[in-house]
Amino acid sequence: MKDVKRVTWRKSSYSSQEGGTCVELANLDTTTGVRDSTDPDGPVLHFGRDAVTGLLNRIKSGELDR
């Protein structure tokens, strides 16, 4: 497994520079890592790539809008 401190993290384009709810993603060996960008030393959640792709597609389609 890749060292989560040595991978390239990408911040969500919906995250603002003011802080708050910021999410970052990173490609790990077999999973996608998700962390809170305001706490880079905090926990990292690991999700299968298919699960992340499915969630992103649902978000982009507006399926999860209220």
C-alpha atoms as a PDB file:
ATOM      1  CA  MET A   1       0.000   0.000   0.000  1.00  0.00           C
ATOM      2  CA  LYS A   2       1.258   3.473  -0.816  1.00  0.00           C
ATOM      3  CA  ASP A   3       2.283   5.798   2.000  1.00  0.00           C
ATOM      4  CA  VAL A   4      -0.662   8.227   2.234  1.00  0.00           C
ATOM      5  CA  LYS A   5       1.732  11.056   3.118  1.00  0.00           C
ATOM      6  CA  ARG A   6       3.690  10.591  -0.125  1.00  0.00           C
ATOM      7  CA  VAL A   7       0.852  10.467  -2.656  1.00  0.00           C
ATOM      8  CA  THR A   8      -0.622  13.369  -4.590  1.00  0.00           C
ATOM      9  CA  TRP A   9      -3.889  14.532  -3.024  1.00  0.00           C
ATOM     10  CA  ARG A  10      -6.438  16.395  -5.167  1.00  0.00           C
ATOM     11  CA  LYS A  11      -8.828  18.805  -3.505  1.00  0.00           C
ATOM     12  CA  SER A  12     -12.446  18.928  -4.581  1.00  0.00           C
ATOM     13  CA  SER A  13     -13.206  21.782  -6.969  1.00  0.00           C
ATOM     14  CA  TYR A  14     -16.159  22.570  -4.676  1.00  0.00           C
ATOM     15  CA  SER A  15     -13.844  23.267  -1.731  1.00  0.00           C
ATOM     16  CA  SER A  16     -13.263  26.908  -0.946  1.00  0.00           C
ATOM     17  CA  GLN A  17     -10.095  28.588   0.229  1.00  0.00           C
ATOM     18  CA  GLU A  18     -11.848  29.650   3.451  1.00  0.00           C
ATOM     19  CA  GLY A  19     -11.729  26.143   4.904  1.00  0.00           C
ATOM     20  CA  GLY A  20     -14.728  24.274   6.214  1.00  0.00           C
ATOM     21  CA  THR A  21     -15.865  21.144   4.403  1.00  0.00           C
ATOM     22  CA  CYS A  22     -12.893  20.314   2.211  1.00  0.00           C
ATOM     23  CA  VAL A  23     -12.397  16.858   0.733  1.00  0.00           C
ATOM     24  CA  GLU A  24      -9.299  15.461  -0.955  1.00  0.00           C
ATOM     25  CA  LEU A  25      -8.879  12.266  -2.980  1.00  0.00           C
ATOM     26  CA  ALA A  26      -5.755  10.251  -3.807  1.00  0.00           C
ATOM     27  CA  ASN A  27      -5.121   7.198  -5.967  1.00  0.00           C
ATOM     28  CA  LEU A  28      -3.715   4.470  -3.746  1.00  0.00           C
ATOM     29  CA  ASP A  29      -2.626   1.030  -4.945  1.00  0.00           C
ATOM     30  CA  THR A  30      -6.030  -0.666  -5.082  1.00  0.00           C
ATOM     31  CA  THR A  31      -8.315   1.931  -3.516  1.00  0.00           C
ATOM     32  CA  THR A  32      -9.110   5.631  -3.535  1.00  0.00           C
ATOM     33  CA  GLY A  33      -8.166   7.490  -0.376  1.00  0.00           C
ATOM     34  CA  VAL A  34     -10.456  10.212   0.975  1.00  0.00           C
ATOM     35  CA  ARG A  35      -9.466  12.663   3.704  1.00  0.00           C
ATOM     36  CA  ASP A  36     -10.398  16.010   5.220  1.00  0.00           C
ATOM     37  CA  SER A  37      -7.980  18.544   3.742  1.00  0.00           C
ATOM     38  CA  THR A  38      -8.132  20.634   6.914  1.00  0.00           C
ATOM     39  CA  ASP A  39      -6.685  17.633   8.830  1.00  0.00           C
ATOM     40  CA  PRO A  40      -4.016  16.108   6.543  1.00  0.00           C
ATOM     41  CA  ASP A  41      -2.582  14.040   9.409  1.00  0.00           C
ATOM     42  CA  GLY A  42      -6.017  12.714  10.333  1.00  0.00           C
ATOM     43  CA  PRO A  43      -7.694   9.498   9.232  1.00  0.00           C
ATOM     44  CA  VAL A  44      -7.905   8.383   5.616  1.00  0.00           C
ATOM     45  CA  LEU A  45     -10.922   6.456   4.380  1.00  0.00           C
ATOM     46  CA  HIS A  46     -10.282   3.814   1.701  1.00  0.00           C
ATOM     47  CA  PHE A  47     -12.956   3.080  -0.911  1.00  0.00           C
ATOM     48  CA  GLY A  48     -12.963   0.813  -3.938  1.00  0.00           C
ATOM     49  CA  ARG A  49     -12.581   2.674  -7.214  1.00  0.00           C
ATOM     50  CA  ASP A  50     -15.959   1.439  -8.483  1.00  0.00           C
ATOM     51  CA  ALA A  51     -17.691   2.820  -5.388  1.00  0.00           C
ATOM     52  CA  VAL A  52     -16.062   6.244  -5.810  1.00  0.00           C
ATOM     53  CA  THR A  53     -16.811   6.340  -9.542  1.00  0.00           C
ATOM     54  CA  GLY A  54     -20.442   5.424  -8.878  1.00  0.00           C
ATOM     55  CA  LEU A  55     -20.811   8.110  -6.215  1.00  0.00           C
ATOM     56  CA  LEU A  56     -19.225  10.789  -8.409  1.00  0.00           C
ATOM     57  CA  ASN A  57     -21.491   9.866 -11.319  1.00  0.00           C
ATOM     58  CA  ARG A  58     -24.567  10.143  -9.069  1.00  0.00           C
ATOM     59  CA  ILE A  59     -23.397  13.535  -7.788  1.00  0.00           C
ATOM     60  CA  LYS A  60     -22.686  14.865 -11.294  1.00  0.00           C
ATOM     61  CA  SER A  61     -26.067  13.676 -12.601  1.00  0.00           C
ATOM     62  CA  GLY A  62     -27.886  15.552  -9.821  1.00  0.00           C
ATOM     63  CA  GLU A  63     -29.419  12.345  -8.489  1.00  0.00           C
ATOM     64  CA  LEU A  64     -28.444  13.268  -4.937  1.00  0.00           C
ATOM     65  CA  ASP A  65     -29.580  16.904  -5.074  1.00  0.00           C
ATOM     66  CA  ARG A  66     -32.250  17.877  -2.595  1.00  0.00           C
END
